[in-house]
Amino acid sequence: YQFMDDAVNKHLLDNNIGIEHTRFVASSSCNYLKPLTYPGDIDVGLRVSKLGNSSVTYDIGIFGSEESTPAAQGRYVHVYIDNKTENPTPIQGKVRDVLSALSNGET
């Protein structure tokens, strides 16, 4: 789970989407398919599979170095909320643009 969380948040932070855009993990899952060795390098693939009004679903693949099949496949759902009301809030502007690009394979 740490690799998934790091991949999602690193992508957001690399695109200047920080904590001022409040979000929480509403759902997550991971299917472990084969072991990884330690020490060893890993690659994490990230895409947006669904971009809703206030939520985004990420599909995440965790690969051993230079492997073409994943060692694990995960799914992460973020819901964006209004800080004051704590209710879901629409994903807009730059955040939507960055997430849309990730769903189109542009990043």
Protein backbone atom coordinates (compact mmCIF):
# COMPACT_ATOMS: atom_id res chain seq x y z
CA TYR A 1 0.00 0.00 0.00
CA GLN A 2 2.87 2.38 0.64
CA PHE A 3 3.98 2.21 -3.00
CA MET A 4 0.44 3.03 -4.17
CA ASP A 5 0.02 5.94 -1.79
CA ASP A 6 3.46 7.30 -2.68
CA ALA A 7 2.83 7.04 -6.44
CA VAL A 8 -0.49 8.89 -6.28
CA ASN A 9 0.72 11.63 -3.95
CA LYS A 10 4.05 12.10 -5.75
CA HIS A 11 2.20 12.59 -9.03
CA LEU A 12 -0.09 15.16 -7.46
CA LEU A 13 2.74 17.02 -5.70
CA ASP A 14 4.90 16.97 -8.86
CA ASN A 15 2.01 18.80 -10.53
CA ASN A 16 1.68 21.35 -7.70
CA ILE A 17 -1.49 19.83 -6.26
CA GLY A 18 -0.89 19.92 -2.53
CA ILE A 19 -2.85 19.70 0.68
CA GLU A 20 -4.88 22.80 -0.16
CA HIS A 21 -6.94 20.41 -2.32
CA THR A 22 -8.37 18.28 0.46
CA ARG A 23 -8.97 14.66 -0.44
CA PHE A 24 -9.20 11.38 1.39
CA VAL A 25 -8.96 7.74 0.45
CA ALA A 26 -12.51 6.44 0.29
CA SER A 27 -11.54 2.99 -0.92
CA SER A 28 -8.43 0.98 -1.73
CA SER A 29 -7.55 -2.55 -2.69
CA CYS A 30 -4.52 -4.52 -3.79
CA ASN A 31 -4.14 -7.93 -5.38
CA TYR A 32 -0.72 -9.45 -4.84
CA LEU A 33 0.20 -11.61 -7.83
CA LYS A 34 3.83 -12.59 -7.27
CA PRO A 35 6.62 -11.78 -4.84
CA LEU A 36 9.13 -8.97 -5.23
CA THR A 37 12.70 -9.41 -4.05
CA TYR A 38 14.49 -7.22 -1.54
CA PRO A 39 16.65 -5.41 -2.12
CA GLY A 40 15.50 -4.60 -5.59
CA ASP A 41 14.12 -1.82 -7.72
CA ILE A 42 10.47 -1.47 -8.53
CA ASP A 43 8.45 0.50 -11.04
CA VAL A 44 4.96 1.78 -10.33
CA GLY A 45 2.50 2.48 -13.12
CA LEU A 46 -0.35 4.89 -12.47
CA ARG A 47 -3.41 5.86 -14.45
CA VAL A 48 -6.81 7.37 -13.81
CA SER A 49 -9.48 4.86 -14.75
CA LYS A 50 -12.46 7.01 -13.71
CA LEU A 51 -12.77 10.72 -13.15
CA GLY A 52 -16.06 11.62 -11.55
CA ASN A 53 -17.53 14.87 -10.27
CA SER A 54 -15.83 14.75 -6.85
CA SER A 55 -13.91 11.47 -6.97
CA VAL A 56 -11.10 9.89 -8.93
CA THR A 57 -10.20 6.22 -9.27
CA TYR A 58 -6.58 5.29 -9.86
CA ASP A 59 -5.38 1.95 -11.20
CA ILE A 60 -1.88 1.12 -10.03
CA GLY A 61 0.54 -1.57 -11.18
CA ILE A 62 3.63 -2.50 -9.19
CA PHE A 63 6.38 -4.14 -11.22
CA GLY A 64 9.74 -5.65 -10.47
CA SER A 65 12.55 -3.88 -12.28
CA GLU A 66 12.36 -4.53 -16.02
CA GLU A 67 9.34 -6.83 -15.59
CA SER A 68 6.40 -6.57 -17.99
CA THR A 69 3.81 -8.25 -15.77
CA PRO A 70 2.83 -6.72 -12.45
CA ALA A 71 3.68 -8.20 -9.08
CA ALA A 72 0.64 -6.38 -7.67
CA GLN A 73 -2.37 -4.49 -8.99
CA GLY A 74 -4.11 -1.89 -6.89
CA ARG A 75 -7.00 0.52 -6.97
CA TYR A 76 -7.30 3.76 -5.03
CA VAL A 77 -10.28 6.12 -4.82
CA HIS A 78 -9.82 9.71 -3.69
CA VAL A 79 -12.79 11.91 -2.84
CA TYR A 80 -12.22 15.66 -2.82
CA ILE A 81 -14.00 17.55 -0.05
CA ASP A 82 -14.73 21.10 1.02
CA ASN A 83 -12.68 21.95 4.13
CA LYS A 84 -15.50 23.82 5.83
CA THR A 85 -18.45 21.52 5.20
CA GLU A 86 -16.51 18.26 4.81
CA ASN A 87 -18.90 17.42 1.95
CA PRO A 88 -17.72 16.20 -1.44
CA THR A 89 -16.77 19.04 -3.75
CA PRO A 90 -16.38 19.07 -7.53
CA ILE A 91 -12.92 18.49 -8.96
CA GLN A 92 -12.17 21.61 -10.99
CA GLY A 93 -9.48 23.63 -12.72
CA LYS A 94 -5.89 22.50 -12.62
CA VAL A 95 -6.70 19.39 -10.54
CA ARG A 96 -9.18 18.17 -13.17
CA ASP A 97 -6.70 18.97 -15.95
CA VAL A 98 -3.89 16.98 -14.28
CA LEU A 99 -6.17 14.01 -13.58
CA SER A 100 -7.65 14.11 -17.09
CA ALA A 101 -4.15 14.00 -18.57
CA LEU A 102 -3.37 10.92 -16.48
CA SER A 103 -6.51 9.21 -17.76
CA ASN A 104 -5.47 9.93 -21.33
CA GLY A 105 -1.92 8.67 -20.87
CA GLU A 106 -0.42 12.11 -21.39
CA THR A 107 1.84 12.07 -18.33
